[in-house]
Amino acid sequence: MGVLTDLIRKEVGRPTVPTFDPLITSIGTTAARFLDPDPNRVGFIVVNLSTAAMYVKPRLDVSASSGIRLAPSGGSLSITWRDDFHLAGWERYVIADAAASALMTLAIGAR
């Protein structure tokens, strides 16, 4: 255990575990869930690795006109319990402007 682990445990109150790409790594023009609801998740980041725009929302009706836009080639969204409260644990859906669009997700859960 290092200093960073000790600091995080002190702040969060328990150990945390990172999980890469818990559900999907590619999305198309049909919405899909990329994070399940999790009341123990303290934060996450999702990164658009594709050349198409993506849109994120905590509901299945995500679309280009109803979602947070992730710009192509590196656009991202980061949510933490400290800044965004309960939103960190909500489920999340994503949709892209093109088929086979790559995304990367890193979720941090408390054990």
N, C-alpha and C. Protein backbone atom coordinates (compact mmCIF):
# COMPACT_ATOMS: atom_id res chain seq x y z
N MET A 1 0.84 -1.19 0.00
CA MET A 1 0.00 0.00 0.00
C MET A 1 0.88 1.24 0.00
N GLY A 2 0.54 2.17 -0.84
CA GLY A 2 1.29 3.41 -0.91
C GLY A 2 0.53 4.56 -0.29
N VAL A 3 1.14 5.71 -0.33
CA VAL A 3 0.54 6.92 0.23
C VAL A 3 -0.78 7.24 -0.47
N LEU A 4 -0.80 7.10 -1.78
CA LEU A 4 -2.02 7.39 -2.54
C LEU A 4 -3.19 6.53 -2.06
N THR A 5 -2.94 5.25 -1.86
CA THR A 5 -3.98 4.35 -1.36
C THR A 5 -4.46 4.79 0.02
N ASP A 6 -3.55 5.17 0.88
CA ASP A 6 -3.91 5.64 2.22
C ASP A 6 -4.76 6.91 2.16
N LEU A 7 -4.37 7.86 1.29
CA LEU A 7 -5.12 9.11 1.16
C LEU A 7 -6.53 8.86 0.64
N ILE A 8 -6.66 7.99 -0.37
CA ILE A 8 -7.98 7.69 -0.92
C ILE A 8 -8.85 7.01 0.12
N ARG A 9 -8.29 6.04 0.83
CA ARG A 9 -9.05 5.34 1.87
C ARG A 9 -9.53 6.31 2.95
N LYS A 10 -8.68 7.25 3.32
CA LYS A 10 -9.06 8.23 4.35
C LYS A 10 -10.19 9.12 3.84
N GLU A 11 -10.12 9.53 2.57
CA GLU A 11 -11.14 10.41 1.99
C GLU A 11 -12.47 9.71 1.77
N VAL A 12 -12.42 8.52 1.20
CA VAL A 12 -13.64 7.78 0.85
C VAL A 12 -14.18 6.98 2.03
N GLY A 13 -13.29 6.57 2.92
CA GLY A 13 -13.73 5.81 4.09
C GLY A 13 -13.57 4.31 3.95
N ARG A 14 -13.14 3.86 2.77
CA ARG A 14 -12.89 2.44 2.52
C ARG A 14 -12.03 2.31 1.27
N PRO A 15 -11.50 1.14 1.01
CA PRO A 15 -10.67 0.96 -0.19
C PRO A 15 -11.50 1.12 -1.46
N THR A 16 -10.83 1.50 -2.54
CA THR A 16 -11.50 1.61 -3.84
C THR A 16 -10.81 0.69 -4.84
N VAL A 17 -11.58 0.33 -5.88
CA VAL A 17 -11.08 -0.57 -6.91
C VAL A 17 -11.45 -0.01 -8.27
N PRO A 18 -10.45 0.18 -9.17
CA PRO A 18 -10.77 0.62 -10.53
C PRO A 18 -11.19 -0.56 -11.39
N THR A 19 -12.14 -0.32 -12.29
CA THR A 19 -12.59 -1.33 -13.24
C THR A 19 -12.61 -0.70 -14.62
N PHE A 20 -11.87 -1.29 -15.56
CA PHE A 20 -11.87 -0.81 -16.93
C PHE A 20 -12.99 -1.47 -17.73
N ASP A 21 -13.68 -0.67 -18.52
CA ASP A 21 -14.67 -1.14 -19.48
C ASP A 21 -15.60 -2.22 -18.90
N PRO A 22 -16.40 -1.87 -17.89
CA PRO A 22 -17.22 -2.88 -17.23
C PRO A 22 -18.28 -3.53 -18.11
N LEU A 23 -18.81 -2.85 -19.12
CA LEU A 23 -19.88 -3.43 -19.93
C LEU A 23 -19.57 -3.48 -21.42
N ILE A 24 -19.18 -2.37 -22.02
CA ILE A 24 -18.96 -2.34 -23.47
C ILE A 24 -17.72 -1.53 -23.81
N THR A 25 -17.18 -1.78 -25.01
CA THR A 25 -16.02 -1.01 -25.50
C THR A 25 -16.31 -0.42 -26.88
N SER A 26 -17.49 -0.68 -27.41
CA SER A 26 -17.87 -0.17 -28.72
C SER A 26 -19.36 0.12 -28.72
N ILE A 27 -19.74 1.18 -29.42
CA ILE A 27 -21.15 1.58 -29.49
C ILE A 27 -21.46 2.00 -30.92
N GLY A 28 -22.72 1.87 -31.29
CA GLY A 28 -23.17 2.29 -32.61
C GLY A 28 -24.30 3.30 -32.50
N THR A 29 -25.22 3.23 -33.43
CA THR A 29 -26.30 4.21 -33.51
C THR A 29 -27.54 3.79 -32.72
N THR A 30 -27.41 2.73 -31.94
CA THR A 30 -28.47 2.31 -31.02
C THR A 30 -27.94 2.47 -29.60
N ALA A 31 -28.69 3.12 -28.75
CA ALA A 31 -28.24 3.39 -27.38
C ALA A 31 -27.99 2.09 -26.62
N ALA A 32 -26.97 2.11 -25.77
CA ALA A 32 -26.64 0.97 -24.92
C ALA A 32 -26.12 1.49 -23.58
N ARG A 33 -26.29 0.66 -22.56
CA ARG A 33 -25.80 1.02 -21.23
C ARG A 33 -24.31 0.68 -21.15
N PHE A 34 -23.51 1.64 -20.66
CA PHE A 34 -22.09 1.36 -20.46
C PHE A 34 -21.71 1.33 -18.99
N LEU A 35 -22.62 1.75 -18.11
CA LEU A 35 -22.42 1.61 -16.66
C LEU A 35 -23.74 1.20 -16.02
N ASP A 36 -23.71 0.15 -15.23
CA ASP A 36 -24.88 -0.24 -14.45
C ASP A 36 -25.03 0.71 -13.27
N PRO A 37 -26.22 0.80 -12.69
CA PRO A 37 -26.35 1.58 -11.45
C PRO A 37 -25.51 0.92 -10.36
N ASP A 38 -24.82 1.73 -9.57
CA ASP A 38 -23.94 1.20 -8.53
C ASP A 38 -23.78 2.23 -7.41
N PRO A 39 -24.45 2.02 -6.27
CA PRO A 39 -24.35 2.98 -5.17
C PRO A 39 -22.98 3.00 -4.50
N ASN A 40 -22.10 2.06 -4.86
CA ASN A 40 -20.74 2.04 -4.32
C ASN A 40 -19.71 2.65 -5.27
N ARG A 41 -20.14 3.10 -6.44
CA ARG A 41 -19.20 3.74 -7.37
C ARG A 41 -18.99 5.19 -6.91
N VAL A 42 -17.73 5.59 -6.80
CA VAL A 42 -17.42 6.95 -6.33
C VAL A 42 -17.01 7.86 -7.47
N GLY A 43 -16.83 7.29 -8.66
CA GLY A 43 -16.49 8.11 -9.81
C GLY A 43 -16.29 7.27 -11.05
N PHE A 44 -16.29 7.96 -12.19
CA PHE A 44 -15.98 7.30 -13.45
C PHE A 44 -15.54 8.32 -14.47
N ILE A 45 -14.87 7.83 -15.51
CA ILE A 45 -14.55 8.63 -16.68
C ILE A 45 -14.85 7.77 -17.89
N VAL A 46 -15.44 8.39 -18.89
CA VAL A 46 -15.66 7.74 -20.18
C VAL A 46 -15.00 8.60 -21.25
N VAL A 47 -14.28 7.95 -22.17
CA VAL A 47 -13.53 8.66 -23.21
C VAL A 47 -13.97 8.13 -24.57
N ASN A 48 -14.25 9.06 -25.47
CA ASN A 48 -14.60 8.72 -26.84
C ASN A 48 -13.31 8.52 -27.64
N LEU A 49 -13.04 7.29 -28.03
CA LEU A 49 -11.83 6.97 -28.78
C LEU A 49 -12.07 6.96 -30.29
N SER A 50 -13.28 7.21 -30.71
CA SER A 50 -13.64 7.11 -32.12
C SER A 50 -13.57 8.46 -32.83
N THR A 51 -13.83 8.44 -34.13
CA THR A 51 -13.86 9.67 -34.92
C THR A 51 -15.27 10.22 -35.06
N ALA A 52 -16.25 9.58 -34.41
CA ALA A 52 -17.64 10.04 -34.42
C ALA A 52 -17.98 10.65 -33.07
N ALA A 53 -18.92 11.57 -33.04
CA ALA A 53 -19.38 12.13 -31.76
C ALA A 53 -20.20 11.08 -31.01
N MET A 54 -20.18 11.15 -29.69
CA MET A 54 -20.99 10.30 -28.82
C MET A 54 -21.78 11.18 -27.88
N TYR A 55 -22.85 10.60 -27.33
CA TYR A 55 -23.71 11.32 -26.41
C TYR A 55 -24.00 10.41 -25.22
N VAL A 56 -23.95 10.97 -24.02
CA VAL A 56 -24.09 10.22 -22.78
C VAL A 56 -25.24 10.80 -21.97
N LYS A 57 -25.99 9.92 -21.33
CA LYS A 57 -27.12 10.35 -20.50
C LYS A 57 -27.44 9.23 -19.51
N PRO A 58 -28.00 9.56 -18.35
CA PRO A 58 -28.38 8.52 -17.41
C PRO A 58 -29.76 7.90 -17.72
N ARG A 59 -30.18 7.99 -18.97
CA ARG A 59 -31.46 7.39 -19.39
C ARG A 59 -31.30 6.79 -20.78
N LEU A 60 -32.13 5.81 -21.08
CA LEU A 60 -32.06 5.10 -22.36
C LEU A 60 -32.43 5.99 -23.55
N ASP A 61 -33.13 7.09 -23.32
CA ASP A 61 -33.54 7.96 -24.44
C ASP A 61 -32.43 8.93 -24.86
N VAL A 62 -31.19 8.57 -24.63
CA VAL A 62 -30.06 9.40 -25.04
C VAL A 62 -30.06 9.59 -26.55
N SER A 63 -29.72 10.80 -26.99
CA SER A 63 -29.66 11.11 -28.42
C SER A 63 -28.78 12.33 -28.62
N ALA A 64 -28.58 12.71 -29.88
CA ALA A 64 -27.78 13.89 -30.20
C ALA A 64 -28.42 15.16 -29.66
N SER A 65 -29.73 15.15 -29.49
CA SER A 65 -30.41 16.33 -28.96
C SER A 65 -30.76 16.20 -27.47
N SER A 66 -30.34 15.08 -26.85
CA SER A 66 -30.65 14.85 -25.45
C SER A 66 -29.54 14.04 -24.80
N GLY A 67 -28.42 14.67 -24.57
CA GLY A 67 -27.30 13.98 -23.94
C GLY A 67 -26.10 14.89 -23.88
N ILE A 68 -25.11 14.48 -23.12
CA ILE A 68 -23.86 15.22 -23.03
C ILE A 68 -22.98 14.76 -24.19
N ARG A 69 -22.54 15.70 -25.02
CA ARG A 69 -21.75 15.36 -26.20
C ARG A 69 -20.30 15.11 -25.83
N LEU A 70 -19.77 13.98 -26.31
CA LEU A 70 -18.36 13.67 -26.19
C LEU A 70 -17.76 13.86 -27.57
N ALA A 71 -16.88 14.82 -27.69
CA ALA A 71 -16.28 15.13 -28.99
C ALA A 71 -15.48 13.93 -29.51
N PRO A 72 -15.35 13.82 -30.83
CA PRO A 72 -14.56 12.74 -31.42
C PRO A 72 -13.10 12.80 -30.96
N SER A 73 -12.47 11.66 -30.97
CA SER A 73 -11.02 11.54 -30.73
C SER A 73 -10.56 12.11 -29.39
N GLY A 74 -11.23 11.72 -28.32
CA GLY A 74 -10.75 12.09 -27.00
C GLY A 74 -11.70 12.87 -26.12
N GLY A 75 -12.89 13.19 -26.61
CA GLY A 75 -13.86 13.86 -25.74
C GLY A 75 -14.19 12.97 -24.55
N SER A 76 -14.39 13.56 -23.39
CA SER A 76 -14.59 12.73 -22.20
C SER A 76 -15.58 13.37 -21.23
N LEU A 77 -16.04 12.53 -20.32
CA LEU A 77 -16.92 12.96 -19.22
C LEU A 77 -16.40 12.30 -17.96
N SER A 78 -16.22 13.10 -16.93
CA SER A 78 -15.75 12.60 -15.64
C SER A 78 -16.75 13.02 -14.57
N ILE A 79 -17.18 12.06 -13.78
CA ILE A 79 -18.14 12.30 -12.69
C ILE A 79 -17.54 11.75 -11.40
N THR A 80 -17.55 12.55 -10.33
CA THR A 80 -17.07 12.08 -9.03
C THR A 80 -18.09 12.40 -7.95
N TRP A 81 -18.09 11.59 -6.91
CA TRP A 81 -19.03 11.79 -5.82
C TRP A 81 -18.83 13.15 -5.16
N ARG A 82 -17.61 13.60 -5.08
CA ARG A 82 -17.32 14.87 -4.39
C ARG A 82 -17.93 16.06 -5.13
N ASP A 83 -17.87 16.04 -6.46
CA ASP A 83 -18.39 17.15 -7.25
C ASP A 83 -19.84 16.96 -7.69
N ASP A 84 -20.24 15.70 -7.89
CA ASP A 84 -21.52 15.42 -8.52
C ASP A 84 -22.48 14.60 -7.66
N PHE A 85 -22.09 14.34 -6.43
CA PHE A 85 -22.93 13.65 -5.45
C PHE A 85 -23.44 12.31 -5.97
N HIS A 86 -24.74 12.05 -5.90
CA HIS A 86 -25.31 10.75 -6.27
C HIS A 86 -25.17 10.42 -7.75
N LEU A 87 -24.92 11.40 -8.58
CA LEU A 87 -24.80 11.14 -10.02
C LEU A 87 -23.71 10.13 -10.34
N ALA A 88 -22.72 10.01 -9.48
CA ALA A 88 -21.62 9.05 -9.72
C ALA A 88 -22.12 7.61 -9.75
N GLY A 89 -23.19 7.31 -9.05
CA GLY A 89 -23.70 5.95 -8.97
C GLY A 89 -24.81 5.62 -9.94
N TRP A 90 -25.27 6.60 -10.69
CA TRP A 90 -26.37 6.35 -11.64
C TRP A 90 -25.89 5.54 -12.83
N GLU A 91 -26.82 4.80 -13.44
CA GLU A 91 -26.50 4.11 -14.68
C GLU A 91 -26.27 5.14 -15.78
N ARG A 92 -25.55 4.73 -16.82
CA ARG A 92 -25.25 5.64 -17.93
C ARG A 92 -25.42 4.91 -19.26
N TYR A 93 -25.98 5.64 -20.22
CA TYR A 93 -26.18 5.13 -21.58
C TYR A 93 -25.40 6.00 -22.55
N VAL A 94 -25.07 5.41 -23.70
CA VAL A 94 -24.30 6.12 -24.72
C VAL A 94 -24.84 5.75 -26.09
N ILE A 95 -24.69 6.66 -27.03
CA ILE A 95 -25.02 6.44 -28.43
C ILE A 95 -24.01 7.22 -29.25
N ALA A 96 -23.73 6.74 -30.47
CA ALA A 96 -22.74 7.40 -31.33
C ALA A 96 -23.37 7.78 -32.66
N ASP A 97 -22.70 8.66 -33.36
CA ASP A 97 -23.13 9.07 -34.70
C ASP A 97 -22.79 8.03 -35.76
N ALA A 98 -21.95 7.04 -35.44
CA ALA A 98 -21.53 6.03 -36.41
C ALA A 98 -21.41 4.67 -35.73
N ALA A 99 -21.50 3.61 -36.52
CA ALA A 99 -21.37 2.25 -36.00
C ALA A 99 -19.94 1.98 -35.54
N ALA A 100 -19.79 0.98 -34.69
CA ALA A 100 -18.49 0.50 -34.22
C ALA A 100 -17.59 1.63 -33.72
N SER A 101 -18.13 2.49 -32.89
CA SER A 101 -17.38 3.61 -32.31
C SER A 101 -16.81 3.19 -30.95
N ALA A 102 -15.50 3.30 -30.80
CA ALA A 102 -14.82 2.82 -29.60
C ALA A 102 -14.91 3.83 -28.45
N LEU A 103 -15.12 3.30 -27.24
CA LEU A 103 -15.08 4.10 -26.03
C LEU A 103 -14.32 3.35 -24.96
N MET A 104 -13.79 4.08 -24.01
CA MET A 104 -13.11 3.50 -22.87
C MET A 104 -13.75 4.06 -21.61
N THR A 105 -14.02 3.18 -20.66
CA THR A 105 -14.61 3.58 -19.39
C THR A 105 -13.74 3.09 -18.25
N LEU A 106 -13.52 3.95 -17.28
CA LEU A 106 -12.85 3.56 -16.04
C LEU A 106 -13.77 3.97 -14.91
N ALA A 107 -14.24 2.99 -14.16
CA ALA A 107 -15.12 3.24 -13.01
C ALA A 107 -14.35 2.94 -11.72
N ILE A 108 -14.57 3.75 -10.70
CA ILE A 108 -13.91 3.55 -9.41
C ILE A 108 -14.99 3.23 -8.39
N GLY A 109 -14.92 2.03 -7.84
CA GLY A 109 -15.90 1.59 -6.85
C GLY A 109 -15.28 1.42 -5.49
N ALA A 110 -16.06 1.73 -4.46
CA ALA A 110 -15.63 1.51 -3.09
C ALA A 110 -16.01 0.08 -2.69
N ARG A 111 -15.15 -0.57 -1.95
CA ARG A 111 -15.44 -1.94 -1.51
C ARG A 111 -16.03 -1.93 -0.12
